[in-house]
């Protein structure tokens, strides 16, 4: 799969304090296809409020837990979610 562009929330959060409104604005530019996230580095949920004006095709999380992502919204909007749980977790 070719990624046109992606956003690493962890990289941004180490360089500046990335608040939810700033992320929403950045995603609304529709220049990001994928989000790479680490729930230990963010203090909000990737949900409809954050994702609805974006062009996000997928979210990759460095975790087995998924409670920082609105899975129903992602499923209903064809946003792929990839996590350690998919690869290493138990069902």
Protein backbone atom coordinates (compact mmCIF):
# COMPACT_ATOMS: atom_id res chain seq x y z
CA UNK A 1 0.00 0.00 0.00
CA UNK A 2 1.33 3.44 -0.90
CA UNK A 3 0.82 6.15 1.67
CA UNK A 4 0.42 9.63 0.26
CA UNK A 5 0.98 11.13 3.67
CA UNK A 6 0.65 10.27 7.31
CA UNK A 7 0.62 11.97 10.68
CA UNK A 8 2.50 10.60 13.64
CA UNK A 9 0.81 11.94 16.77
CA UNK A 10 3.74 10.77 18.87
CA UNK A 11 6.27 12.71 16.79
CA UNK A 12 4.16 15.86 16.92
CA UNK A 13 3.47 15.55 20.63
CA UNK A 14 7.17 15.38 21.42
CA UNK A 15 7.80 18.61 19.52
CA UNK A 16 4.76 20.61 20.62
CA UNK A 17 1.66 20.22 22.72
CA UNK A 18 -0.86 18.91 20.22
CA UNK A 19 -4.31 19.70 21.48
CA UNK A 20 -7.50 18.27 20.01
CA UNK A 21 -8.53 21.53 18.23
CA UNK A 22 -5.14 21.77 16.53
CA UNK A 23 -5.38 18.15 15.37
CA UNK A 24 -8.91 18.71 14.04
CA UNK A 25 -7.69 21.72 12.05
CA UNK A 26 -4.70 19.81 10.68
CA UNK A 27 -6.87 16.86 9.62
CA UNK A 28 -9.43 19.15 7.98
CA UNK A 29 -6.82 20.11 5.37
CA UNK A 30 -7.36 16.59 3.93
CA UNK A 31 -3.62 16.16 3.44
CA UNK A 32 -3.32 13.17 5.78
CA UNK A 33 -4.25 9.60 4.81
CA UNK A 34 -3.14 7.68 7.92
CA UNK A 35 -2.62 8.45 11.60
CA UNK A 36 0.04 6.66 13.65
CA UNK A 37 -0.81 7.00 17.32
CA UNK A 38 0.31 5.91 20.76
CA UNK A 39 -2.43 6.22 23.39
CA UNK A 40 0.17 6.97 26.05
CA UNK A 41 0.97 10.19 24.19
CA UNK A 42 -2.56 11.53 23.62
CA UNK A 43 -5.26 12.69 25.98
CA UNK A 44 -8.33 12.42 23.72
CA UNK A 45 -10.25 9.86 21.67
CA UNK A 46 -9.97 9.65 17.90
CA UNK A 47 -13.71 9.89 17.31
CA UNK A 48 -16.24 11.53 15.00
CA UNK A 49 -15.49 14.94 16.46
CA UNK A 50 -11.84 14.62 15.40
CA UNK A 51 -12.18 12.58 12.21
CA UNK A 52 -15.37 13.75 10.48
CA UNK A 53 -13.82 16.47 8.28
CA UNK A 54 -10.75 14.43 7.41
CA UNK A 55 -9.62 12.21 4.57
CA UNK A 56 -8.28 9.53 6.93
CA UNK A 57 -8.13 6.05 5.44
CA UNK A 58 -6.54 4.33 8.43
CA UNK A 59 -5.26 4.52 11.97
CA UNK A 60 -2.27 2.53 13.18
CA UNK A 61 -1.91 2.33 16.95
CA UNK A 62 1.09 1.18 18.95
CA UNK A 63 -1.08 -0.62 21.48
CA UNK A 64 -3.25 -3.64 22.08
CA UNK A 65 -5.99 -1.54 23.68
CA UNK A 66 -8.31 0.36 21.37
CA UNK A 67 -10.33 2.50 23.79
CA UNK A 68 -8.70 5.67 22.39
CA UNK A 69 -10.32 5.03 18.98
CA UNK A 70 -14.04 5.09 18.16
CA UNK A 71 -14.19 1.74 16.36
CA UNK A 72 -17.87 2.12 15.40
CA UNK A 73 -17.21 5.43 13.68
CA UNK A 74 -14.18 3.99 11.90
CA UNK A 75 -16.10 0.93 10.72
CA UNK A 76 -19.04 3.01 9.49
CA UNK A 77 -16.68 5.32 7.58
CA UNK A 78 -14.33 2.72 6.08
CA UNK A 79 -11.37 3.77 8.22
CA UNK A 80 -9.03 0.82 8.74
CA UNK A 81 -7.68 0.35 12.28
CA UNK A 82 -4.44 -1.59 12.71
CA UNK A 83 -3.13 -2.45 16.18
CA UNK A 84 -0.94 -4.91 18.04
CA UNK A 85 -4.15 -6.65 19.09
CA UNK A 86 -4.80 -7.58 15.47
CA UNK A 87 -1.36 -9.19 15.29
CA UNK A 88 -0.55 -10.45 18.77
CA UNK A 89 -3.67 -10.17 20.93
CA UNK A 90 -6.11 -12.85 21.83
CA UNK A 91 -9.72 -12.77 20.79
